[in-house]
Amino acid sequence: MKTQRPKTSDDEHRVLQFRPRGQPQGVPRRGNGTVQPLHAQPAPEPLDLSRYEQPRDEPDDFRHRMLANIAALAFTIALTAIGIWLAVSIADLRRTQDCVLMGRRDCVKITTPHI
């Protein structure tokens, strides 16, 4: 039996050369075997975020920020605890419902006080 292959044209198989954006002048490029000479450049800017800082009218209130973080943590812990309690309660109700649907009569656990 003869296998059929789709017809392809030369336009479908094209390799594009990747050229990195914003490569600074004078940095040696790899791959072509030549090294470009380093040119005198101005001193580089520091590699921190100081150039993005803006003056503020009032200083940061770290106490308020810490209280907000503590409140957010407490809220997250409360939501997690409520979610776990809800999952356990639903699982217990499901077990009880399955027991009742099987026709058993001893499904509910009765707790007696210990004297």
N, C-alpha and C. Protein backbone atom coordinates (compact mmCIF):
# COMPACT_ATOMS: atom_id res chain seq x y z
N MET A 1 0.84 -1.17 0.00
CA MET A 1 0.00 0.00 0.00
C MET A 1 0.89 1.24 0.00
N LYS A 2 0.56 2.20 -0.77
CA LYS A 2 1.35 3.41 -0.92
C LYS A 2 0.93 4.43 0.16
N THR A 3 1.91 4.98 0.89
CA THR A 3 1.59 5.98 1.90
C THR A 3 1.53 7.35 1.24
N GLN A 4 0.60 8.14 1.70
CA GLN A 4 0.45 9.47 1.14
C GLN A 4 0.93 10.49 2.17
N ARG A 5 1.71 11.42 1.69
CA ARG A 5 2.20 12.50 2.55
C ARG A 5 1.64 13.81 2.03
N PRO A 6 1.37 14.73 2.93
CA PRO A 6 0.87 16.02 2.46
C PRO A 6 1.97 16.77 1.71
N LYS A 7 1.55 17.54 0.75
CA LYS A 7 2.50 18.33 -0.02
C LYS A 7 2.97 19.51 0.82
N THR A 8 4.26 19.74 0.84
CA THR A 8 4.81 20.86 1.60
C THR A 8 5.55 21.76 0.64
N SER A 9 5.53 23.02 0.98
CA SER A 9 6.28 23.98 0.18
C SER A 9 7.47 24.47 1.00
N ASP A 10 8.38 25.15 0.33
CA ASP A 10 9.58 25.64 1.02
C ASP A 10 9.26 26.75 2.00
N ASP A 11 8.12 27.42 1.83
CA ASP A 11 7.76 28.52 2.73
C ASP A 11 7.37 28.02 4.13
N GLU A 12 6.96 26.78 4.26
CA GLU A 12 6.53 26.26 5.56
C GLU A 12 7.69 25.97 6.49
N HIS A 13 8.85 25.67 5.93
CA HIS A 13 10.01 25.30 6.75
C HIS A 13 11.04 26.40 6.66
N ARG A 14 10.89 27.37 7.54
CA ARG A 14 11.80 28.50 7.54
C ARG A 14 12.40 28.65 8.93
N VAL A 15 13.70 28.78 9.01
CA VAL A 15 14.38 28.97 10.28
C VAL A 15 14.63 30.45 10.47
N LEU A 16 14.15 30.97 11.57
CA LEU A 16 14.34 32.38 11.87
C LEU A 16 15.47 32.53 12.87
N GLN A 17 16.31 33.52 12.63
CA GLN A 17 17.44 33.75 13.53
C GLN A 17 16.97 34.60 14.70
N PHE A 18 17.32 34.18 15.89
CA PHE A 18 16.96 34.91 17.10
C PHE A 18 18.01 35.96 17.38
N ARG A 19 17.57 37.19 17.50
CA ARG A 19 18.48 38.29 17.86
C ARG A 19 17.99 38.90 19.16
N PRO A 20 18.79 38.82 20.21
CA PRO A 20 18.36 39.39 21.49
C PRO A 20 18.19 40.90 21.40
N ARG A 21 17.15 41.39 22.08
CA ARG A 21 16.91 42.83 22.08
C ARG A 21 17.77 43.52 23.12
N GLY A 22 18.13 44.73 22.83
CA GLY A 22 18.78 45.59 23.80
C GLY A 22 20.13 45.13 24.28
N GLN A 23 20.88 44.44 23.45
CA GLN A 23 22.22 44.03 23.87
C GLN A 23 23.12 45.26 23.82
N PRO A 24 23.81 45.59 24.91
CA PRO A 24 24.63 46.80 24.93
C PRO A 24 25.80 46.70 23.96
N GLN A 25 26.22 47.87 23.53
CA GLN A 25 27.36 47.95 22.61
C GLN A 25 28.63 47.54 23.35
N GLY A 26 29.51 46.89 22.69
CA GLY A 26 30.80 46.56 23.25
C GLY A 26 30.84 45.25 24.00
N VAL A 27 29.74 44.59 24.17
CA VAL A 27 29.73 43.29 24.84
C VAL A 27 30.05 42.24 23.78
N PRO A 28 31.02 41.38 24.06
CA PRO A 28 31.37 40.39 23.05
C PRO A 28 30.20 39.45 22.78
N ARG A 29 29.97 39.18 21.52
CA ARG A 29 28.93 38.25 21.12
C ARG A 29 29.53 36.88 20.94
N ARG A 30 28.79 35.88 21.31
CA ARG A 30 29.26 34.52 21.15
C ARG A 30 28.73 33.94 19.86
N GLY A 31 29.47 33.03 19.32
CA GLY A 31 28.95 32.28 18.20
C GLY A 31 29.57 32.64 16.86
N ASN A 32 30.00 33.89 16.67
CA ASN A 32 30.54 34.23 15.37
C ASN A 32 32.07 34.19 15.33
N GLY A 33 32.72 33.94 16.45
CA GLY A 33 34.17 33.76 16.48
C GLY A 33 34.96 35.05 16.56
N THR A 34 34.32 36.20 16.56
CA THR A 34 35.04 37.47 16.66
C THR A 34 34.63 38.17 17.94
N VAL A 35 35.55 38.93 18.48
CA VAL A 35 35.31 39.68 19.71
C VAL A 35 35.38 41.16 19.36
N GLN A 36 34.33 41.87 19.73
CA GLN A 36 34.32 43.30 19.46
C GLN A 36 35.05 44.01 20.58
N PRO A 37 35.80 45.06 20.26
CA PRO A 37 36.52 45.79 21.31
C PRO A 37 35.55 46.55 22.20
N LEU A 38 35.93 46.66 23.48
CA LEU A 38 35.11 47.41 24.42
C LEU A 38 35.36 48.90 24.24
N HIS A 39 34.30 49.67 24.16
CA HIS A 39 34.40 51.11 24.02
C HIS A 39 34.21 51.74 25.38
N ALA A 40 34.74 52.95 25.54
CA ALA A 40 34.57 53.66 26.81
C ALA A 40 33.09 54.01 26.96
N GLN A 41 32.51 53.57 28.07
CA GLN A 41 31.10 53.83 28.33
C GLN A 41 30.97 54.57 29.65
N PRO A 42 29.90 55.33 29.80
CA PRO A 42 29.69 55.99 31.09
C PRO A 42 29.46 54.94 32.17
N ALA A 43 29.65 55.35 33.41
CA ALA A 43 29.50 54.43 34.53
C ALA A 43 28.07 53.90 34.55
N PRO A 44 27.89 52.59 34.76
CA PRO A 44 26.54 52.03 34.76
C PRO A 44 25.75 52.48 35.98
N GLU A 45 24.43 52.52 35.82
CA GLU A 45 23.57 52.88 36.93
C GLU A 45 23.58 51.77 37.97
N PRO A 46 23.36 52.10 39.23
CA PRO A 46 23.31 51.03 40.24
C PRO A 46 22.15 50.08 39.96
N LEU A 47 22.34 48.82 40.32
CA LEU A 47 21.33 47.81 40.03
C LEU A 47 20.35 47.66 41.19
N ASP A 48 19.78 48.77 41.62
CA ASP A 48 18.76 48.72 42.67
C ASP A 48 17.53 49.48 42.19
N LEU A 49 16.56 49.60 43.03
CA LEU A 49 15.30 50.23 42.65
C LEU A 49 15.24 51.71 43.02
N SER A 50 16.36 52.32 43.31
CA SER A 50 16.35 53.71 43.75
C SER A 50 15.87 54.65 42.65
N ARG A 51 16.06 54.29 41.41
CA ARG A 51 15.63 55.19 40.33
C ARG A 51 14.11 55.22 40.20
N TYR A 52 13.40 54.25 40.79
CA TYR A 52 11.95 54.23 40.73
C TYR A 52 11.29 54.82 41.97
N GLU A 53 12.08 55.18 42.94
CA GLU A 53 11.52 55.74 44.16
C GLU A 53 10.99 57.13 43.90
N GLN A 54 9.88 57.45 44.55
CA GLN A 54 9.29 58.76 44.44
C GLN A 54 9.18 59.36 45.82
N PRO A 55 9.38 60.65 45.94
CA PRO A 55 9.25 61.27 47.26
C PRO A 55 7.81 61.19 47.74
N ARG A 56 7.64 60.95 49.03
CA ARG A 56 6.30 60.82 49.62
C ARG A 56 6.03 62.00 50.54
N ASP A 57 4.75 62.31 50.68
CA ASP A 57 4.37 63.41 51.56
C ASP A 57 4.59 63.05 53.03
N GLU A 58 4.30 61.79 53.37
CA GLU A 58 4.48 61.34 54.75
C GLU A 58 5.22 60.01 54.73
N PRO A 59 5.96 59.70 55.77
CA PRO A 59 6.72 58.44 55.78
C PRO A 59 5.79 57.23 55.93
N ASP A 60 6.32 56.07 55.59
CA ASP A 60 5.55 54.83 55.72
C ASP A 60 5.22 54.57 57.19
N ASP A 61 4.02 54.06 57.42
CA ASP A 61 3.58 53.70 58.76
C ASP A 61 3.75 52.19 58.91
N PHE A 62 4.92 51.77 59.38
CA PHE A 62 5.22 50.35 59.48
C PHE A 62 4.33 49.65 60.51
N ARG A 63 3.96 50.35 61.57
CA ARG A 63 3.09 49.75 62.59
C ARG A 63 1.73 49.39 61.97
N HIS A 64 1.18 50.30 61.19
CA HIS A 64 -0.10 50.02 60.53
C HIS A 64 0.03 48.88 59.53
N ARG A 65 1.13 48.85 58.81
CA ARG A 65 1.35 47.78 57.84
C ARG A 65 1.46 46.43 58.54
N MET A 66 2.16 46.37 59.66
CA MET A 66 2.30 45.11 60.40
C MET A 66 0.95 44.66 60.97
N LEU A 67 0.16 45.60 61.48
CA LEU A 67 -1.17 45.25 61.99
C LEU A 67 -2.06 44.72 60.86
N ALA A 68 -1.97 45.33 59.70
CA ALA A 68 -2.75 44.85 58.56
C ALA A 68 -2.29 43.45 58.14
N ASN A 69 -1.00 43.19 58.16
CA ASN A 69 -0.48 41.87 57.83
C ASN A 69 -0.94 40.82 58.84
N ILE A 70 -0.93 41.17 60.12
CA ILE A 70 -1.37 40.25 61.17
C ILE A 70 -2.86 39.97 61.01
N ALA A 71 -3.64 41.00 60.70
CA ALA A 71 -5.08 40.80 60.49
C ALA A 71 -5.33 39.90 59.28
N ALA A 72 -4.58 40.09 58.21
CA ALA A 72 -4.74 39.25 57.03
C ALA A 72 -4.35 37.81 57.33
N LEU A 73 -3.30 37.61 58.12
CA LEU A 73 -2.89 36.26 58.50
C LEU A 73 -3.95 35.59 59.36
N ALA A 74 -4.50 36.33 60.32
CA ALA A 74 -5.55 35.77 61.18
C ALA A 74 -6.78 35.41 60.36
N PHE A 75 -7.15 36.25 59.42
CA PHE A 75 -8.29 35.97 58.55
C PHE A 75 -8.04 34.72 57.71
N THR A 76 -6.83 34.57 57.18
CA THR A 76 -6.49 33.40 56.39
C THR A 76 -6.53 32.13 57.23
N ILE A 77 -6.01 32.20 58.44
CA ILE A 77 -6.04 31.04 59.34
C ILE A 77 -7.48 30.69 59.70
N ALA A 78 -8.32 31.70 59.95
CA ALA A 78 -9.72 31.44 60.28
C ALA A 78 -10.44 30.80 59.09
N LEU A 79 -10.20 31.29 57.89
CA LEU A 79 -10.83 30.69 56.71
C LEU A 79 -10.38 29.25 56.51
N THR A 80 -9.11 28.98 56.75
CA THR A 80 -8.60 27.61 56.62
C THR A 80 -9.24 26.69 57.65
N ALA A 81 -9.33 27.16 58.90
CA ALA A 81 -9.94 26.35 59.95
C ALA A 81 -11.42 26.08 59.65
N ILE A 82 -12.14 27.09 59.19
CA ILE A 82 -13.55 26.90 58.84
C ILE A 82 -13.69 25.93 57.68
N GLY A 83 -12.81 26.01 56.70
CA GLY A 83 -12.85 25.09 55.57
C GLY A 83 -12.60 23.65 55.99
N ILE A 84 -11.63 23.45 56.89
CA ILE A 84 -11.35 22.09 57.37
C ILE A 84 -12.53 21.56 58.18
N TRP A 85 -13.09 22.40 59.08
CA TRP A 85 -14.26 21.98 59.86
C TRP A 85 -15.42 21.62 58.95
N LEU A 86 -15.65 22.43 57.91
CA LEU A 86 -16.75 22.16 56.99
C LEU A 86 -16.54 20.85 56.23
N ALA A 87 -15.30 20.59 55.79
CA ALA A 87 -15.01 19.35 55.07
C ALA A 87 -15.22 18.14 55.96
N VAL A 88 -14.80 18.21 57.23
CA VAL A 88 -14.98 17.09 58.17
C VAL A 88 -16.46 16.89 58.46
N SER A 89 -17.22 17.98 58.64
CA SER A 89 -18.66 17.87 58.91
C SER A 89 -19.39 17.24 57.73
N ILE A 90 -19.05 17.66 56.51
CA ILE A 90 -19.70 17.09 55.33
C ILE A 90 -19.36 15.61 55.19
N ALA A 91 -18.11 15.23 55.47
CA ALA A 91 -17.73 13.82 55.40
C ALA A 91 -18.49 13.00 56.43
N ASP A 92 -18.66 13.55 57.64
CA ASP A 92 -19.40 12.84 58.68
C ASP A 92 -20.87 12.68 58.31
N LEU A 93 -21.48 13.73 57.77
CA LEU A 93 -22.87 13.65 57.32
C LEU A 93 -23.02 12.63 56.19
N ARG A 94 -22.04 12.58 55.30
CA ARG A 94 -22.10 11.61 54.20
C ARG A 94 -22.03 10.18 54.73
N ARG A 95 -21.14 9.95 55.71
CA ARG A 95 -21.05 8.62 56.31
C ARG A 95 -22.38 8.23 56.98
N THR A 96 -22.97 9.16 57.70
CA THR A 96 -24.24 8.89 58.36
C THR A 96 -25.34 8.62 57.33
N GLN A 97 -25.39 9.41 56.28
CA GLN A 97 -26.41 9.21 55.25
C GLN A 97 -26.22 7.87 54.54
N ASP A 98 -25.00 7.49 54.24
CA ASP A 98 -24.75 6.19 53.62
C ASP A 98 -25.19 5.06 54.54
N CYS A 99 -24.96 5.20 55.83
CA CYS A 99 -25.36 4.18 56.80
C CYS A 99 -26.88 4.04 56.83
N VAL A 100 -27.59 5.16 56.86
CA VAL A 100 -29.05 5.13 56.90
C VAL A 100 -29.61 4.54 55.61
N LEU A 101 -29.02 4.89 54.47
CA LEU A 101 -29.51 4.38 53.19
C LEU A 101 -29.26 2.88 53.03
N MET A 102 -28.30 2.33 53.78
CA MET A 102 -28.08 0.88 53.75
C MET A 102 -29.08 0.14 54.63
N GLY A 103 -29.86 0.87 55.40
CA GLY A 103 -30.89 0.25 56.22
C GLY A 103 -30.44 -0.07 57.62
N ARG A 104 -29.30 0.38 58.03
CA ARG A 104 -28.84 0.10 59.39
C ARG A 104 -29.53 1.02 60.37
N ARG A 105 -29.62 0.59 61.62
CA ARG A 105 -30.30 1.38 62.64
C ARG A 105 -29.34 2.00 63.65
N ASP A 106 -28.10 1.59 63.64
CA ASP A 106 -27.13 2.10 64.63
C ASP A 106 -26.17 3.11 63.99
N CYS A 107 -26.69 4.05 63.23
CA CYS A 107 -25.84 4.96 62.47
C CYS A 107 -25.36 6.16 63.28
N VAL A 108 -26.20 6.64 64.18
CA VAL A 108 -25.85 7.84 64.93
C VAL A 108 -25.07 7.44 66.16
N LYS A 109 -23.96 8.10 66.38
CA LYS A 109 -23.15 7.83 67.57
C LYS A 109 -23.76 8.57 68.75
N ILE A 110 -24.06 7.82 69.80
CA ILE A 110 -24.63 8.41 71.00
C ILE A 110 -23.52 8.45 72.04
N THR A 111 -23.25 9.64 72.53
CA THR A 111 -22.22 9.79 73.54
C THR A 111 -22.85 9.78 74.92
N THR A 112 -22.23 9.09 75.82
CA THR A 112 -22.72 9.03 77.18
C THR A 112 -21.68 9.68 78.08
N PRO A 113 -22.13 10.41 79.07
CA PRO A 113 -21.15 11.03 79.96
C PRO A 113 -20.49 9.98 80.84
N HIS A 114 -19.22 10.15 81.06
CA HIS A 114 -18.48 9.23 81.92
C HIS A 114 -18.58 9.72 83.36
N ILE A 115 -18.96 8.83 84.23
CA ILE A 115 -19.12 9.20 85.64
C ILE A 115 -17.93 8.76 86.43
